[in-house]
Structures are given as C-alpha cells and as structure tokens.
C-alpha cells in the first residue's frame, strides 16, 4: 500500500508493525499518513496544471485565468447605451437580473469597434468591486497547460495590451499570451468611462 512505503512517507512497514499490538495508535498513524499523501497529491495536481479560457480578439489569441471569469455569455439581445460615456463603453445589459456595464475590449485596446456576429461572446468578470462584462470576438474554450509551459515572455501583440499581460503559455510552436483581467479592471484608464 502507498502509505506504507518509506519513499512516500518516511515510515517503513517495520515501523508500522511495531504498532500492531496497539491498534488505536496504528489507525491514527495510518490516518495521518493517508491525509499527508492526499495533501501532497492535491498540491502536485494544482501545481502541475493551469486552466485558462482561450479567446480571440482582432485575430489574436489570448488566455484569461478561468478564476477571473464568472461566466461566458452569448451577445445580449439588448445593450442600453450610456449617454456621456466613451465609445468603448457599449452600455448596460441585464445579466441574471442585474445591470452590468458592458465594455468593448477591442475598442478600448485601439482595435476598432466590435461588430457582433454569431461567434461574439461576453466574458463576465469575477470581481465583486468592479462589475464588468467584456465583448470578445470569440471564445475558444478551456485550455489546460502544465506549469512548466509558462514563460514570462510573449510576442508583441497587435492590440495595445502589453500592460495587461501576465506572461504566456508555450506549447510547441503555439504561444498563448495571458490577459490579466484584474489588472485591466484596476487600471485608471479603464475606470475613466466619462467622455
């Protein structure tokens, strides 16, 4: 059994046999070893895999940490424009009964105004302080990477978004820059929506 191997737990089967005449202590020791083994496996699993949501914007592919996104939605049927706001503020939309500001991410980054089509999606930020929904050209689904595939470097992007990048994941010839949604939401330029 895995809990009895010296290499895994630092305890030999011989040491466990010394507890054979004390069943309660033996059970306690086995429980301790099992909990330690489970904790180690959980930490390894967390360290070994990073999961992001792939999306496309102006022909470029990006990742966003799945923990930063509460929901992915189709383009809403109605977005109400907010008078006096910048052109990259698309307006307000009802998301699960709550009004949420919708931002045209491509327009904010200088890539022109988004023209919604069947592939257009909305990424709803997982942030209690700054409610936001971002228009993207397409969502490409979950992408899983090993931690060793992470790099702090990425190729320059066409869109002006370097200040919102958090490294990249590289797999063979593919490089996926990581877009840091939290950095965007906290940036003064993004928070200044008044025209």
N, C-alpha and C. Protein backbone atom coordinates (compact mmCIF):
# COMPACT_ATOMS: atom_id res chain seq x y z
N UNK A 1 0.85 -1.20 0.00
CA UNK A 1 0.00 0.00 0.00
C UNK A 1 0.88 1.24 0.00
N UNK A 2 0.42 2.34 -0.71
CA UNK A 2 1.25 3.53 -0.82
C UNK A 2 1.63 4.12 0.52
N UNK A 3 0.76 4.06 1.53
CA UNK A 3 1.07 4.71 2.80
C UNK A 3 2.16 3.98 3.57
N UNK A 4 2.51 2.79 3.14
CA UNK A 4 3.50 2.01 3.89
C UNK A 4 4.88 2.07 3.28
N UNK A 5 5.06 2.80 2.18
CA UNK A 5 6.38 2.85 1.55
C UNK A 5 7.21 3.95 2.17
N UNK A 6 8.46 3.62 2.50
CA UNK A 6 9.37 4.59 3.10
C UNK A 6 9.56 5.79 2.19
N UNK A 7 9.66 5.57 0.87
CA UNK A 7 9.94 6.66 -0.05
C UNK A 7 8.81 7.69 -0.07
N UNK A 8 7.58 7.26 0.19
CA UNK A 8 6.46 8.19 0.15
C UNK A 8 6.27 8.95 1.45
N UNK A 9 6.42 8.27 2.58
CA UNK A 9 6.03 8.88 3.83
C UNK A 9 7.14 8.97 4.86
N UNK A 10 8.27 8.37 4.60
CA UNK A 10 9.33 8.38 5.59
C UNK A 10 9.08 7.38 6.71
N UNK A 11 8.14 6.46 6.52
CA UNK A 11 7.81 5.44 7.53
C UNK A 11 7.89 4.09 6.85
N UNK A 12 8.58 3.14 7.48
CA UNK A 12 8.70 1.81 6.88
C UNK A 12 7.60 0.90 7.40
N UNK A 13 7.39 -0.20 6.69
CA UNK A 13 6.42 -1.20 7.12
C UNK A 13 6.82 -1.76 8.48
N UNK A 14 8.13 -1.86 8.71
CA UNK A 14 8.63 -2.35 10.00
C UNK A 14 8.19 -1.44 11.15
N UNK A 15 8.27 -0.14 10.92
CA UNK A 15 7.85 0.81 11.95
C UNK A 15 6.36 0.69 12.24
N UNK A 16 5.57 0.44 11.18
CA UNK A 16 4.13 0.27 11.39
C UNK A 16 3.83 -1.04 12.14
N UNK A 17 4.64 -2.08 11.89
CA UNK A 17 4.44 -3.36 12.59
C UNK A 17 4.63 -3.22 14.09
N UNK A 18 5.47 -2.26 14.50
CA UNK A 18 5.68 -2.07 15.95
C UNK A 18 4.40 -1.59 16.63
N UNK A 19 3.47 -1.07 15.82
CA UNK A 19 2.20 -0.61 16.38
C UNK A 19 1.11 -1.68 16.29
N UNK A 20 1.48 -2.88 15.86
CA UNK A 20 0.49 -3.95 15.67
C UNK A 20 -0.26 -4.30 16.95
N UNK A 21 0.40 -4.24 18.09
CA UNK A 21 -0.27 -4.59 19.33
C UNK A 21 -0.99 -3.38 19.94
N UNK A 22 -0.93 -2.24 19.26
CA UNK A 22 -1.65 -1.03 19.70
C UNK A 22 -2.52 -0.55 18.53
N UNK A 23 -3.66 -1.20 18.31
CA UNK A 23 -4.48 -0.92 17.11
C UNK A 23 -4.92 0.54 17.00
N UNK A 24 -5.24 1.18 18.10
CA UNK A 24 -5.69 2.57 18.03
C UNK A 24 -4.58 3.47 17.50
N UNK A 25 -3.36 3.32 18.03
CA UNK A 25 -2.24 4.14 17.56
C UNK A 25 -1.90 3.83 16.09
N UNK A 26 -2.05 2.55 15.72
CA UNK A 26 -1.80 2.15 14.34
C UNK A 26 -2.80 2.85 13.40
N UNK A 27 -4.07 2.85 13.78
CA UNK A 27 -5.08 3.53 12.96
C UNK A 27 -4.81 5.03 12.86
N UNK A 28 -4.43 5.62 13.98
CA UNK A 28 -4.10 7.05 13.95
C UNK A 28 -2.94 7.35 13.01
N UNK A 29 -1.91 6.50 13.08
CA UNK A 29 -0.74 6.70 12.22
C UNK A 29 -1.10 6.50 10.75
N UNK A 30 -1.92 5.49 10.45
CA UNK A 30 -2.35 5.25 9.07
C UNK A 30 -3.20 6.43 8.56
N UNK A 31 -4.06 6.96 9.43
CA UNK A 31 -4.86 8.11 9.02
C UNK A 31 -3.97 9.31 8.75
N UNK A 32 -2.97 9.55 9.60
CA UNK A 32 -2.06 10.67 9.39
C UNK A 32 -1.32 10.52 8.07
N UNK A 33 -0.83 9.32 7.79
CA UNK A 33 -0.09 9.07 6.55
C UNK A 33 -0.99 9.24 5.32
N UNK A 34 -2.23 8.78 5.43
CA UNK A 34 -3.17 8.90 4.31
C UNK A 34 -3.48 10.36 4.03
N UNK A 35 -3.74 11.13 5.09
CA UNK A 35 -4.02 12.56 4.91
C UNK A 35 -2.83 13.28 4.29
N UNK A 36 -1.64 12.94 4.73
CA UNK A 36 -0.44 13.56 4.16
C UNK A 36 -0.29 13.22 2.68
N UNK A 37 -0.56 11.96 2.33
CA UNK A 37 -0.46 11.54 0.93
C UNK A 37 -1.48 12.27 0.07
N UNK A 38 -2.70 12.42 0.56
CA UNK A 38 -3.74 13.12 -0.20
C UNK A 38 -3.37 14.59 -0.37
N UNK A 39 -2.89 15.21 0.68
CA UNK A 39 -2.49 16.62 0.60
C UNK A 39 -1.37 16.81 -0.42
N UNK A 40 -0.39 15.91 -0.41
CA UNK A 40 0.72 16.01 -1.37
C UNK A 40 0.21 15.89 -2.79
N UNK A 41 -0.70 14.92 -3.04
CA UNK A 41 -1.23 14.72 -4.38
C UNK A 41 -2.02 15.94 -4.83
N UNK A 42 -2.80 16.53 -3.94
CA UNK A 42 -3.60 17.70 -4.29
C UNK A 42 -2.70 18.87 -4.64
N UNK A 43 -1.65 19.11 -3.85
CA UNK A 43 -0.72 20.21 -4.14
C UNK A 43 -0.03 19.99 -5.47
N UNK A 44 0.37 18.74 -5.75
CA UNK A 44 1.03 18.45 -7.02
C UNK A 44 0.09 18.71 -8.18
N UNK A 45 -1.18 18.30 -8.05
CA UNK A 45 -2.14 18.49 -9.14
C UNK A 45 -2.36 19.97 -9.41
N UNK A 46 -2.45 20.78 -8.35
CA UNK A 46 -2.64 22.21 -8.50
C UNK A 46 -1.43 22.84 -9.17
N UNK A 47 -0.23 22.43 -8.76
CA UNK A 47 0.99 22.99 -9.33
C UNK A 47 1.18 22.57 -10.78
N UNK A 48 0.75 21.39 -11.14
CA UNK A 48 1.05 20.86 -12.46
C UNK A 48 0.15 21.40 -13.56
N UNK A 49 -1.04 21.92 -13.22
CA UNK A 49 -1.95 22.33 -14.28
C UNK A 49 -2.51 23.73 -14.04
N UNK A 50 -2.53 24.52 -15.10
CA UNK A 50 -3.15 25.84 -15.09
C UNK A 50 -4.24 25.81 -16.14
N UNK A 51 -5.41 26.32 -15.81
CA UNK A 51 -6.54 26.30 -16.74
C UNK A 51 -6.97 27.72 -17.05
N UNK A 52 -7.04 28.02 -18.30
CA UNK A 52 -7.49 29.33 -18.74
C UNK A 52 -8.57 29.20 -19.79
N UNK A 53 -9.19 30.32 -20.09
CA UNK A 53 -10.20 30.38 -21.15
C UNK A 53 -9.55 31.06 -22.34
N UNK A 54 -9.55 30.36 -23.47
CA UNK A 54 -8.98 30.94 -24.68
C UNK A 54 -10.01 31.84 -25.36
N UNK A 55 -9.55 32.99 -25.85
CA UNK A 55 -10.45 33.85 -26.60
C UNK A 55 -9.69 34.55 -27.71
N UNK A 56 -10.45 35.02 -28.69
CA UNK A 56 -9.87 35.69 -29.85
C UNK A 56 -10.33 37.14 -29.86
N UNK A 57 -9.41 38.02 -30.21
CA UNK A 57 -9.69 39.45 -30.29
C UNK A 57 -8.84 40.02 -31.42
N UNK A 58 -9.46 40.58 -32.43
CA UNK A 58 -8.75 41.15 -33.60
C UNK A 58 -7.78 40.15 -34.22
N UNK A 59 -8.19 38.92 -34.33
CA UNK A 59 -7.36 37.90 -34.97
C UNK A 59 -6.26 37.34 -34.09
N UNK A 60 -6.12 37.84 -32.86
CA UNK A 60 -5.10 37.33 -31.94
C UNK A 60 -5.75 36.45 -30.89
N UNK A 61 -5.00 35.44 -30.44
CA UNK A 61 -5.49 34.54 -29.40
C UNK A 61 -4.88 34.91 -28.06
N UNK A 62 -5.70 34.83 -27.04
CA UNK A 62 -5.27 35.12 -25.67
C UNK A 62 -5.85 34.08 -24.73
N UNK A 63 -5.31 34.06 -23.53
CA UNK A 63 -5.87 33.27 -22.43
C UNK A 63 -6.24 34.22 -21.31
N UNK A 64 -7.21 33.81 -20.53
CA UNK A 64 -7.55 34.53 -19.32
C UNK A 64 -7.75 33.48 -18.24
N UNK A 65 -7.22 33.73 -17.07
CA UNK A 65 -7.34 32.78 -15.97
C UNK A 65 -8.82 32.49 -15.71
N UNK A 66 -9.20 31.23 -15.69
CA UNK A 66 -10.62 30.89 -15.55
C UNK A 66 -11.20 31.42 -14.24
N UNK A 67 -10.36 31.63 -13.23
CA UNK A 67 -10.86 32.15 -11.95
C UNK A 67 -11.26 33.63 -12.04
N UNK A 68 -10.79 34.32 -13.08
CA UNK A 68 -11.13 35.73 -13.25
C UNK A 68 -12.44 35.94 -14.02
N UNK A 69 -13.02 34.84 -14.53
CA UNK A 69 -14.25 34.93 -15.31
C UNK A 69 -15.37 34.20 -14.58
N UNK A 70 -16.45 34.92 -14.33
CA UNK A 70 -17.59 34.31 -13.65
C UNK A 70 -18.47 33.54 -14.63
N UNK A 71 -18.56 34.07 -15.85
CA UNK A 71 -19.48 33.47 -16.81
C UNK A 71 -19.09 33.88 -18.23
N UNK A 72 -19.39 32.99 -19.19
CA UNK A 72 -19.26 33.30 -20.61
C UNK A 72 -20.66 33.30 -21.18
N UNK A 73 -21.03 34.38 -21.85
CA UNK A 73 -22.40 34.52 -22.38
C UNK A 73 -22.38 34.80 -23.87
N UNK A 74 -23.51 34.51 -24.49
CA UNK A 74 -23.70 34.98 -25.87
C UNK A 74 -23.93 36.49 -25.81
N UNK A 75 -23.82 37.13 -26.96
CA UNK A 75 -24.02 38.58 -27.01
C UNK A 75 -25.47 38.88 -26.62
N UNK A 76 -25.68 39.81 -25.68
CA UNK A 76 -27.04 40.09 -25.22
C UNK A 76 -27.93 40.66 -26.32
N UNK A 77 -29.21 40.36 -26.22
CA UNK A 77 -30.16 40.88 -27.21
C UNK A 77 -30.28 42.39 -27.14
N UNK A 78 -30.07 42.94 -25.95
CA UNK A 78 -30.20 44.39 -25.80
C UNK A 78 -29.12 44.93 -24.87
N UNK A 79 -28.40 45.94 -25.37
CA UNK A 79 -27.44 46.69 -24.55
C UNK A 79 -27.86 48.15 -24.65
N UNK A 80 -28.11 48.76 -23.51
CA UNK A 80 -28.56 50.15 -23.46
C UNK A 80 -27.36 51.07 -23.35
N UNK A 81 -27.22 51.94 -24.34
CA UNK A 81 -26.09 52.89 -24.38
C UNK A 81 -26.20 53.87 -23.21
N UNK A 82 -25.05 54.22 -22.63
CA UNK A 82 -24.99 55.18 -21.53
C UNK A 82 -24.54 56.53 -22.09
N UNK A 83 -25.41 57.56 -22.04
CA UNK A 83 -25.02 58.86 -22.58
C UNK A 83 -23.80 59.43 -21.84
N UNK A 84 -22.94 60.09 -22.58
CA UNK A 84 -21.77 60.74 -21.99
C UNK A 84 -20.61 59.81 -21.68
N UNK A 85 -20.69 58.55 -22.15
CA UNK A 85 -19.60 57.60 -21.89
C UNK A 85 -18.70 57.48 -23.12
N UNK A 86 -17.51 56.96 -22.92
CA UNK A 86 -16.56 56.77 -24.01
C UNK A 86 -17.10 55.73 -24.99
N UNK A 87 -16.58 55.75 -26.21
CA UNK A 87 -17.13 54.89 -27.25
C UNK A 87 -16.90 53.41 -26.98
N UNK A 88 -15.91 53.06 -26.16
CA UNK A 88 -15.66 51.66 -25.85
C UNK A 88 -16.56 51.14 -24.74
N UNK A 89 -17.38 52.01 -24.16
CA UNK A 89 -18.40 51.56 -23.20
C UNK A 89 -19.65 51.24 -24.02
N UNK A 90 -19.93 49.96 -24.21
CA UNK A 90 -21.05 49.56 -25.05
C UNK A 90 -22.38 49.93 -24.40
N UNK A 91 -22.44 49.84 -23.08
CA UNK A 91 -23.66 50.19 -22.37
C UNK A 91 -23.93 49.28 -21.20
N UNK A 92 -25.20 49.15 -20.85
CA UNK A 92 -25.62 48.29 -19.74
C UNK A 92 -26.47 47.16 -20.27
N UNK A 93 -26.27 45.98 -19.68
CA UNK A 93 -27.07 44.81 -20.06
C UNK A 93 -27.51 44.09 -18.80
N UNK A 94 -28.61 43.39 -18.90
CA UNK A 94 -29.10 42.61 -17.77
C UNK A 94 -28.42 41.24 -17.80
N UNK A 95 -27.70 40.93 -16.73
CA UNK A 95 -27.04 39.63 -16.60
C UNK A 95 -27.62 38.96 -15.36
N UNK A 96 -28.42 37.95 -15.58
CA UNK A 96 -29.08 37.23 -14.47
C UNK A 96 -29.85 38.19 -13.56
N UNK A 97 -30.52 39.16 -14.19
CA UNK A 97 -31.35 40.09 -13.44
C UNK A 97 -30.62 41.29 -12.86
N UNK A 98 -29.31 41.41 -13.09
CA UNK A 98 -28.55 42.55 -12.59
C UNK A 98 -28.00 43.35 -13.77
N UNK A 99 -28.04 44.67 -13.64
CA UNK A 99 -27.45 45.51 -14.68
C UNK A 99 -25.93 45.51 -14.54
N UNK A 100 -25.25 45.19 -15.63
CA UNK A 100 -23.79 45.11 -15.65
C UNK A 100 -23.28 45.96 -16.80
N UNK A 101 -22.26 46.78 -16.55
CA UNK A 101 -21.66 47.54 -17.65
C UNK A 101 -20.95 46.60 -18.63
N UNK A 102 -21.17 46.86 -19.91
CA UNK A 102 -20.56 46.05 -20.97
C UNK A 102 -19.54 46.92 -21.70
N UNK A 103 -18.32 46.40 -21.82
CA UNK A 103 -17.22 47.14 -22.43
C UNK A 103 -16.76 46.43 -23.69
N UNK A 104 -16.48 47.21 -24.72
CA UNK A 104 -15.93 46.68 -25.97
C UNK A 104 -14.41 46.63 -25.80
N UNK A 105 -13.90 45.46 -25.47
CA UNK A 105 -12.47 45.31 -25.17
C UNK A 105 -11.60 45.69 -26.36
N UNK A 106 -12.03 45.29 -27.55
CA UNK A 106 -11.25 45.60 -28.75
C UNK A 106 -11.15 47.11 -28.96
N UNK A 107 -12.26 47.82 -28.78
CA UNK A 107 -12.25 49.28 -28.95
C UNK A 107 -11.39 49.93 -27.87
N UNK A 108 -11.46 49.44 -26.64
CA UNK A 108 -10.64 50.00 -25.56
C UNK A 108 -9.16 49.86 -25.88
N UNK A 109 -8.78 48.74 -26.48
CA UNK A 109 -7.37 48.48 -26.78
C UNK A 109 -6.92 49.06 -28.12
N UNK A 110 -7.80 49.82 -28.77
CA UNK A 110 -7.41 50.50 -30.01
C UNK A 110 -7.57 49.67 -31.26
N UNK A 111 -8.37 48.61 -31.20
CA UNK A 111 -8.54 47.74 -32.37
C UNK A 111 -9.80 48.01 -33.16
N UNK A 112 -10.49 49.10 -32.88
CA UNK A 112 -11.73 49.41 -33.59
C UNK A 112 -12.94 48.84 -32.87
N UNK A 113 -14.10 49.34 -33.23
CA UNK A 113 -15.34 48.93 -32.58
C UNK A 113 -15.72 47.52 -33.03
N UNK A 114 -16.14 46.71 -32.08
CA UNK A 114 -16.55 45.33 -32.38
C UNK A 114 -17.86 45.33 -33.16
N UNK A 115 -17.94 44.45 -34.14
CA UNK A 115 -19.18 44.23 -34.87
C UNK A 115 -19.65 42.83 -34.49
N UNK A 116 -20.68 42.74 -33.65
CA UNK A 116 -21.11 41.43 -33.15
C UNK A 116 -21.59 40.51 -34.27
N UNK A 117 -21.22 39.23 -34.14
CA UNK A 117 -21.73 38.19 -35.03
C UNK A 117 -22.04 36.97 -34.19
N UNK A 118 -22.28 35.82 -34.83
CA UNK A 118 -22.68 34.62 -34.10
C UNK A 118 -21.60 34.12 -33.14
N UNK A 119 -20.34 34.42 -33.41
CA UNK A 119 -19.24 33.94 -32.56
C UNK A 119 -18.96 34.88 -31.39
N UNK A 120 -19.45 36.10 -31.44
CA UNK A 120 -19.16 37.10 -30.40
C UNK A 120 -19.66 36.61 -29.04
N UNK A 121 -18.82 36.81 -28.04
CA UNK A 121 -19.18 36.40 -26.67
C UNK A 121 -18.89 37.51 -25.70
N UNK A 122 -19.47 37.36 -24.51
CA UNK A 122 -19.27 38.28 -23.40
C UNK A 122 -18.60 37.52 -22.27
N UNK A 123 -17.48 38.05 -21.75
CA UNK A 123 -16.82 37.48 -20.58
C UNK A 123 -17.22 38.33 -19.38
N UNK A 124 -17.93 37.73 -18.44
CA UNK A 124 -18.37 38.46 -17.24
C UNK A 124 -17.29 38.28 -16.18
N UNK A 125 -16.75 39.39 -15.71
CA UNK A 125 -15.65 39.35 -14.74
C UNK A 125 -16.11 38.81 -13.40
N UNK A 126 -15.24 38.04 -12.78
CA UNK A 126 -15.49 37.52 -11.44
C UNK A 126 -14.84 38.49 -10.44
N UNK A 127 -15.50 39.63 -10.24
CA UNK A 127 -14.96 40.69 -9.40
C UNK A 127 -16.11 41.40 -8.70
N UNK A 128 -16.13 41.37 -7.39
CA UNK A 128 -17.23 41.99 -6.64
C UNK A 128 -17.16 43.51 -6.65
N UNK A 129 -15.95 44.06 -6.71
CA UNK A 129 -15.79 45.52 -6.62
C UNK A 129 -16.06 46.24 -7.93
N UNK A 130 -15.70 45.62 -9.05
CA UNK A 130 -15.86 46.26 -10.36
C UNK A 130 -16.67 45.33 -11.26
N UNK A 131 -18.00 45.53 -11.31
CA UNK A 131 -18.79 44.69 -12.21
C UNK A 131 -18.45 45.06 -13.65
N UNK A 132 -18.21 44.05 -14.48
CA UNK A 132 -17.84 44.32 -15.87
C UNK A 132 -18.10 43.10 -16.72
N UNK A 133 -18.51 43.36 -17.94
CA UNK A 133 -18.65 42.32 -18.95
C UNK A 133 -17.91 42.81 -20.19
N UNK A 134 -17.08 41.97 -20.76
CA UNK A 134 -16.22 42.37 -21.87
C UNK A 134 -16.63 41.65 -23.16
N UNK A 135 -16.77 42.41 -24.22
CA UNK A 135 -17.07 41.84 -25.52
C UNK A 135 -15.77 41.32 -26.13
N UNK A 136 -15.77 40.06 -26.58
CA UNK A 136 -14.64 39.48 -27.30
C UNK A 136 -15.17 38.87 -28.60
N UNK A 137 -14.29 38.70 -29.58
CA UNK A 137 -14.72 38.20 -30.89
C UNK A 137 -15.19 36.75 -30.83
N UNK A 138 -14.53 35.95 -29.99
CA UNK A 138 -14.87 34.53 -29.93
C UNK A 138 -14.23 33.92 -28.69
N UNK A 139 -14.91 32.96 -28.10
CA UNK A 139 -14.33 32.19 -27.00
C UNK A 139 -13.94 30.83 -27.56
N UNK A 140 -12.71 30.42 -27.27
CA UNK A 140 -12.15 29.19 -27.84
C UNK A 140 -12.18 28.03 -26.86
N UNK A 141 -12.79 28.21 -25.71
CA UNK A 141 -12.92 27.13 -24.73
C UNK A 141 -11.78 27.09 -23.74
N UNK A 142 -11.84 26.08 -22.87
CA UNK A 142 -10.80 25.91 -21.85
C UNK A 142 -9.51 25.44 -22.50
N UNK A 143 -8.40 25.94 -21.98
CA UNK A 143 -7.08 25.49 -22.39
C UNK A 143 -6.31 25.13 -21.12
N UNK A 144 -5.74 23.95 -21.11
CA UNK A 144 -5.00 23.45 -19.94
C UNK A 144 -3.52 23.39 -20.27
N UNK A 145 -2.71 23.86 -19.32
CA UNK A 145 -1.27 23.88 -19.52
C UNK A 145 -0.57 23.39 -18.27
N UNK A 146 0.55 22.75 -18.45
CA UNK A 146 1.40 22.38 -17.33
C UNK A 146 2.14 23.63 -16.87
N UNK A 147 2.45 23.68 -15.58
CA UNK A 147 3.14 24.86 -15.05
C UNK A 147 4.48 25.07 -15.74
N UNK A 148 5.12 24.01 -16.19
CA UNK A 148 6.42 24.15 -16.86
C UNK A 148 6.30 24.80 -18.24
N UNK A 149 5.07 24.91 -18.78
CA UNK A 149 4.87 25.55 -20.08
C UNK A 149 4.74 27.07 -19.97
N UNK A 150 4.77 27.59 -18.75
CA UNK A 150 4.64 29.04 -18.54
C UNK A 150 5.96 29.74 -18.83
N UNK A 151 5.86 30.92 -19.42
CA UNK A 151 7.01 31.77 -19.65
C UNK A 151 6.61 33.21 -19.34
N UNK A 152 7.53 33.98 -18.87
CA UNK A 152 7.27 35.40 -18.58
C UNK A 152 7.34 36.27 -19.83
N UNK A 153 7.63 35.66 -20.97
CA UNK A 153 7.78 36.42 -22.21
C UNK A 153 6.68 36.05 -23.19
N UNK A 154 6.29 37.01 -24.01
CA UNK A 154 5.31 36.77 -25.05
C UNK A 154 5.66 37.64 -26.24
N UNK A 155 5.17 37.24 -27.40
CA UNK A 155 5.42 38.03 -28.61
C UNK A 155 4.60 39.31 -28.53
N UNK A 156 5.10 40.40 -29.12
CA UNK A 156 4.32 41.64 -29.11
C UNK A 156 2.95 41.41 -29.75
N UNK A 157 1.95 42.07 -29.19
CA UNK A 157 0.59 41.92 -29.72
C UNK A 157 0.26 43.12 -30.61
N UNK A 158 -0.66 42.91 -31.52
CA UNK A 158 -1.10 43.99 -32.40
C UNK A 158 -1.87 45.02 -31.57
N UNK A 159 -2.75 44.51 -30.71
CA UNK A 159 -3.51 45.39 -29.84
C UNK A 159 -2.60 45.96 -28.76
N UNK A 160 -2.94 47.13 -28.26
CA UNK A 160 -2.12 47.78 -27.24
C UNK A 160 -2.49 47.23 -25.86
N UNK A 161 -2.00 46.06 -25.55
CA UNK A 161 -2.41 45.43 -24.29
C UNK A 161 -1.25 44.90 -23.46
N UNK A 162 -0.03 45.29 -23.77
CA UNK A 162 1.13 44.77 -23.03
C UNK A 162 1.03 45.02 -21.52
N UNK A 163 0.45 46.15 -21.13
CA UNK A 163 0.35 46.45 -19.69
C UNK A 163 -0.61 45.52 -18.96
N UNK A 164 -1.42 44.78 -19.73
CA UNK A 164 -2.38 43.86 -19.12
C UNK A 164 -1.97 42.40 -19.29
N UNK A 165 -0.75 42.17 -19.73
CA UNK A 165 -0.28 40.80 -19.93
C UNK A 165 0.36 40.24 -18.66
N UNK A 166 0.18 38.95 -18.45
CA UNK A 166 0.75 38.27 -17.28
C UNK A 166 1.51 37.04 -17.74
N UNK A 167 2.39 37.21 -18.71
CA UNK A 167 3.17 36.10 -19.22
C UNK A 167 2.45 35.38 -20.34
N UNK A 168 2.87 34.13 -20.58
CA UNK A 168 2.29 33.35 -21.66
C UNK A 168 2.52 31.87 -21.39
N UNK A 169 1.77 31.06 -22.10
CA UNK A 169 2.00 29.61 -22.07
C UNK A 169 2.42 29.20 -23.46
N UNK A 170 3.48 28.40 -23.51
CA UNK A 170 4.06 27.98 -24.78
C UNK A 170 3.96 26.46 -24.89
N UNK A 171 3.37 26.02 -26.00
CA UNK A 171 3.31 24.59 -26.29
C UNK A 171 3.73 24.40 -27.74
N UNK A 172 4.83 23.72 -27.92
CA UNK A 172 5.50 23.56 -29.22
C UNK A 172 5.59 24.93 -29.90
N UNK A 173 4.95 25.12 -31.06
CA UNK A 173 5.09 26.40 -31.76
C UNK A 173 4.02 27.42 -31.35
N UNK A 174 3.07 27.01 -30.53
CA UNK A 174 1.99 27.92 -30.12
C UNK A 174 2.36 28.69 -28.86
N UNK A 175 2.08 29.99 -28.88
CA UNK A 175 2.27 30.83 -27.70
C UNK A 175 0.94 31.51 -27.41
N UNK A 176 0.47 31.35 -26.18
CA UNK A 176 -0.80 31.93 -25.75
C UNK A 176 -0.51 32.99 -24.69
N UNK A 177 -0.57 34.29 -25.03
CA UNK A 177 -0.40 35.33 -24.02
C UNK A 177 -1.55 35.30 -23.01
N UNK A 178 -1.23 35.57 -21.76
CA UNK A 178 -2.24 35.57 -20.69
C UNK A 178 -2.66 37.00 -20.41
N UNK A 179 -3.94 37.26 -20.61
CA UNK A 179 -4.52 38.58 -20.35
C UNK A 179 -4.96 38.63 -18.89
N UNK A 180 -4.47 39.63 -18.16
CA UNK A 180 -4.79 39.76 -16.74
C UNK A 180 -5.99 40.68 -16.58
N UNK A 181 -7.16 40.10 -16.41
CA UNK A 181 -8.39 40.87 -16.30
C UNK A 181 -8.39 41.77 -15.07
N UNK A 182 -7.82 41.29 -13.98
CA UNK A 182 -7.75 42.09 -12.76
C UNK A 182 -6.95 43.37 -12.99
N UNK A 183 -5.84 43.28 -13.70
CA UNK A 183 -5.02 44.45 -14.00
C UNK A 183 -5.81 45.45 -14.85
N UNK A 184 -6.61 44.95 -15.79
CA UNK A 184 -7.44 45.83 -16.61
C UNK A 184 -8.47 46.56 -15.76
N UNK A 185 -9.18 45.83 -14.92
CA UNK A 185 -10.25 46.42 -14.11
C UNK A 185 -9.72 47.46 -13.12
N UNK A 186 -8.49 47.28 -12.66
CA UNK A 186 -7.91 48.21 -11.69
C UNK A 186 -7.22 49.41 -12.33
N UNK A 187 -7.03 49.38 -13.64
CA UNK A 187 -6.30 50.44 -14.32
C UNK A 187 -7.14 51.72 -14.40
N UNK A 188 -6.54 52.86 -14.10
CA UNK A 188 -7.25 54.15 -14.07
C UNK A 188 -7.86 54.48 -15.42
N UNK A 189 -7.19 54.16 -16.50
CA UNK A 189 -7.71 54.46 -17.84
C UNK A 189 -9.00 53.70 -18.10
N UNK A 190 -9.09 52.47 -17.63
CA UNK A 190 -10.29 51.68 -17.84
C UNK A 190 -11.42 52.19 -16.95
N UNK A 191 -11.09 52.66 -15.78
CA UNK A 191 -12.12 53.14 -14.84
C UNK A 191 -12.66 54.52 -15.23
N UNK A 192 -11.95 55.24 -16.09
CA UNK A 192 -12.40 56.56 -16.53
C UNK A 192 -13.28 56.40 -17.76
N UNK A 193 -14.58 56.26 -17.56
CA UNK A 193 -15.50 55.98 -18.65
C UNK A 193 -16.20 57.23 -19.20
N UNK A 194 -16.01 58.36 -18.56
CA UNK A 194 -16.69 59.57 -18.98
C UNK A 194 -16.02 60.17 -20.21
N UNK A 195 -16.84 60.47 -21.22
CA UNK A 195 -16.32 61.01 -22.48
C UNK A 195 -15.84 62.45 -22.30
